[in-house]
Protein backbone atom coordinates (compact mmCIF):
# COMPACT_ATOMS: atom_id res chain seq x y z
CA UNK A 1 0.02 -0.10 -0.03
CA UNK A 2 2.94 2.29 0.77
CA UNK A 3 4.15 1.90 -2.85
CA UNK A 4 0.86 2.56 -4.21
CA UNK A 5 0.69 5.85 -2.18
CA UNK A 6 3.94 6.97 -3.36
CA UNK A 7 3.46 6.07 -7.15
CA UNK A 8 -0.24 7.04 -7.34
CA UNK A 9 -0.13 9.98 -5.38
CA UNK A 10 -3.25 8.97 -3.30
CA UNK A 11 -3.52 9.66 0.42
CA UNK A 12 -2.68 6.68 2.63
CA UNK A 13 -5.93 6.77 4.52
CA UNK A 14 -8.14 6.84 1.32
CA UNK A 15 -6.28 3.66 0.14
CA UNK A 16 -6.89 2.09 3.59
CA UNK A 17 -10.52 2.91 3.31
CA UNK A 18 -10.78 1.55 -0.43
CA UNK A 19 -8.95 -1.79 0.80
CA UNK A 20 -11.59 -2.06 3.67
CA UNK A 21 -8.97 -2.08 6.39
CA UNK A 22 -9.22 -0.80 9.91
CA UNK A 23 -6.62 -0.04 12.52
CA UNK A 24 -7.29 -2.13 15.56
CA UNK A 25 -5.81 -0.75 18.87
CA UNK A 26 -7.08 -0.10 22.47
CA UNK A 27 -7.53 3.35 23.84
CA UNK A 28 -6.62 4.18 27.42
CA UNK A 29 -7.54 7.31 29.46
CA UNK A 30 -7.33 8.50 32.94
CA UNK A 31 -10.46 8.64 34.94
CA UNK A 32 -11.78 12.03 35.77
CA UNK A 33 -12.95 12.60 39.46
CA UNK A 34 -14.94 15.27 40.98
CA UNK A 35 -11.93 16.32 43.34
CA UNK A 36 -9.47 16.84 40.39
CA UNK A 37 -10.83 20.22 39.77
CA UNK A 38 -9.92 21.41 43.34
CA UNK A 39 -6.56 19.75 43.26
CA UNK A 40 -5.73 21.59 40.12
CA UNK A 41 -6.84 24.85 41.58
CA UNK A 42 -4.80 24.23 44.62
CA UNK A 43 -1.68 23.54 42.67
CA UNK A 44 -1.98 26.70 40.42
CA UNK A 45 -2.49 28.74 43.69
CA UNK A 46 0.67 27.04 45.12
CA UNK A 47 2.59 27.70 41.81
CA UNK A 48 1.60 31.39 41.60
CA UNK A 49 2.61 31.87 45.26
CA UNK A 50 6.10 30.22 44.54
CA UNK A 51 6.58 32.53 41.44
CA UNK A 52 5.72 35.58 43.36
CA UNK A 53 8.32 34.52 46.18
CA UNK A 54 11.09 32.96 43.98
CA UNK A 55 11.48 34.96 40.90
CA UNK A 56 13.49 31.92 39.20
CA UNK A 57 10.92 29.44 40.07
CA UNK A 58 10.45 28.42 36.43
CA UNK A 59 14.28 27.49 36.33
CA UNK A 60 13.62 24.88 39.11
CA UNK A 61 11.00 22.91 37.11
CA UNK A 62 12.22 19.36 35.92
CA UNK A 63 10.35 17.43 33.36
CA UNK A 64 11.27 13.78 33.12
CA UNK A 65 10.24 10.46 31.30
CA UNK A 66 11.63 6.74 31.19
CA UNK A 67 11.41 4.31 28.16
CA UNK A 68 12.31 0.74 28.08
CA UNK A 69 13.81 -0.59 24.78
CA UNK A 70 13.71 -4.51 24.51
CA UNK A 71 16.83 -5.99 22.97
CA UNK A 72 14.99 -9.00 21.66
CA UNK A 73 12.79 -6.92 19.25
CA UNK A 74 9.78 -6.70 21.50
CA UNK A 75 7.42 -3.86 20.72
CA UNK A 76 5.29 -2.16 23.31
CA UNK A 77 1.73 -3.06 22.18
CA UNK A 78 0.45 0.48 22.92
CA UNK A 79 2.81 1.71 20.06
CA UNK A 80 1.95 -1.17 17.63
CA UNK A 81 -0.96 -0.81 15.04
CA UNK A 82 -2.07 -3.62 12.91
CA UNK A 83 -4.08 -2.89 9.66
CA UNK A 84 -6.35 -5.51 8.81
CA UNK A 85 -9.87 -6.20 7.60
CA UNK A 86 -10.65 -8.18 10.65
CA UNK A 87 -8.95 -8.60 14.17
CA UNK A 88 -6.21 -11.07 13.49
CA UNK A 89 -6.28 -12.34 17.02
CA UNK A 90 -2.40 -12.38 17.20
CA UNK A 91 -0.72 -14.17 19.94
CA UNK A 92 3.06 -13.38 20.42
CA UNK A 93 5.08 -15.35 22.89
CA UNK A 94 7.87 -13.37 24.82
CA UNK A 95 10.41 -14.50 27.32
CA UNK A 96 9.50 -13.81 31.03
CA UNK A 97 12.43 -11.62 31.59
CA UNK A 98 13.73 -10.35 28.33
CA UNK A 99 16.79 -8.10 28.32
CA UNK A 100 16.23 -4.44 27.96
CA UNK A 101 17.72 -0.94 28.26
CA UNK A 102 16.05 1.63 30.15
CA UNK A 103 16.53 5.29 29.36
CA UNK A 104 15.55 8.03 31.75
CA UNK A 105 15.74 11.59 30.59
CA UNK A 106 14.93 15.05 32.37
CA UNK A 107 14.76 18.58 30.76
CA UNK A 108 15.08 21.70 32.87
CA UNK A 109 16.27 25.32 32.56
CA UNK A 110 19.87 23.93 33.02
CA UNK A 111 19.82 21.61 30.08
CA UNK A 112 19.23 17.76 29.56
CA UNK A 113 20.06 15.00 32.10
CA UNK A 114 20.22 11.39 30.62
CA UNK A 115 20.70 8.14 32.31
CA UNK A 116 20.81 4.67 30.74
CA UNK A 117 20.43 1.39 32.75
C-alpha cells in the first residue's frame, strides 16, 4: 500500500478505506474525578505563590520520562498498530524477563539530564 501511495499520489487513509482495512488498537484514558478540579486549583495557587516568592522558580522545574527498549525486538503493544480487515487475534510469545535498556531523561532550564540502565 505504501508503494501505491507513493506512485499513485493517493493519500494513505483513502487507500486503507478502499481496501476495507481498519486499525485495531485499544484506547486508554485516565478517569476524571470530582476532586480533580479542586486539586488543580490548589496546585495553580501554590505555583503562583512560589513564582511571586522565588523569581527564578520556572528554572527549578524538571520534566522527566522513562522508556524501555527491549533488545529481543519486542515492541510495546501501545505503540503497535495492525492494519487488517478483521482482528487477526495475534498471539506473540515473549520470554519472562527479556533483556532491555531503560533510558531516563529530564529537561530543565539548565539543560538535559540523561541516564541509561
